[in-house]
Amino acid sequence: MPPPEVRNALRLATVEMLVEGVAPHAAVNTAVALLRANKRTAHLSGLANAVLCSIGAARRQHGSRVL
């Protein structure tokens, strides 16, 4: 299981995209940058990027019905 910092970044970016309406590229970029800045989580930034890009794509495809 990923460290709490990674799970929290994923949660935050997901809420930003799906609830608050933040542009997916902005939410993904911010979360990935936060993870890269920490030595403990830097190696998981690619995972976060892939997961969040998938969520962003689902949002574009399904609109607000993703939740």
Protein backbone atom coordinates (compact mmCIF):
# COMPACT_ATOMS: atom_id res chain seq x y z
CA MET A 1 0.00 0.00 0.00
CA PRO A 2 1.36 3.46 -0.86
CA PRO A 3 2.40 5.76 1.99
CA PRO A 4 -0.27 8.07 3.47
CA GLU A 5 1.24 11.08 1.67
CA VAL A 6 0.61 9.46 -1.71
CA ARG A 7 -2.93 8.39 -0.84
CA ASN A 8 -3.70 11.89 0.42
CA ALA A 9 -2.34 13.51 -2.76
CA LEU A 10 -4.50 11.16 -4.84
CA ARG A 11 -7.56 11.95 -2.74
CA LEU A 12 -6.99 15.69 -2.89
CA ALA A 13 -6.45 15.78 -6.64
CA THR A 14 -9.50 13.58 -7.22
CA VAL A 15 -11.73 15.87 -5.16
CA GLU A 16 -10.31 18.90 -6.92
CA MET A 17 -11.16 17.41 -10.34
CA LEU A 18 -14.52 15.79 -9.62
CA VAL A 19 -16.07 18.02 -6.97
CA GLU A 20 -14.44 21.43 -7.25
CA GLY A 21 -14.14 21.46 -11.04
CA VAL A 22 -10.39 22.11 -11.22
CA ALA A 23 -8.93 21.36 -14.64
CA PRO A 24 -7.49 17.82 -14.64
CA HIS A 25 -4.07 18.89 -15.95
CA ALA A 26 -3.72 21.36 -13.06
CA ALA A 27 -4.74 18.89 -10.37
CA VAL A 28 -2.50 16.15 -11.78
CA ASN A 29 0.48 18.47 -12.18
CA THR A 30 0.17 19.79 -8.62
CA ALA A 31 -0.15 16.34 -7.06
CA VAL A 32 2.78 14.95 -9.04
CA ALA A 33 4.94 17.96 -8.16
CA LEU A 34 4.15 17.50 -4.46
CA LEU A 35 5.12 13.84 -4.61
CA ARG A 36 8.34 14.52 -6.55
CA ALA A 37 9.42 17.08 -3.94
CA ASN A 38 9.53 14.40 -1.23
CA LYS A 39 12.31 11.77 -1.38
CA ARG A 40 10.03 9.23 0.27
CA THR A 41 7.31 9.56 -2.40
CA ALA A 42 9.23 10.64 -5.52
CA HIS A 43 9.37 7.10 -6.91
CA LEU A 44 5.55 6.92 -6.83
CA SER A 45 4.95 10.11 -8.82
CA GLY A 46 4.54 8.10 -12.04
CA LEU A 47 1.89 5.94 -10.42
CA ALA A 48 0.02 9.03 -9.23
CA ASN A 49 0.27 10.55 -12.69
CA ALA A 50 -1.22 7.46 -14.33
CA VAL A 51 -4.04 7.07 -11.81
CA LEU A 52 -5.00 10.74 -11.89
CA CYS A 53 -4.83 10.95 -15.69
CA SER A 54 -7.23 8.00 -15.82
CA ILE A 55 -9.61 9.77 -13.46
CA GLY A 56 -9.34 12.94 -15.54
CA ALA A 57 -10.10 10.98 -18.72
CA ALA A 58 -13.14 9.38 -17.08
CA ARG A 59 -14.33 12.83 -16.06
CA ARG A 60 -14.03 14.07 -19.64
CA GLN A 61 -15.83 11.02 -20.97
CA HIS A 62 -18.63 10.78 -18.41
CA GLY A 63 -18.86 14.33 -17.08
CA SER A 64 -20.19 14.68 -13.55
CA ARG A 65 -21.43 11.07 -13.49
CA VAL A 66 -17.96 9.74 -12.58
CA LEU A 67 -18.85 9.63 -8.91
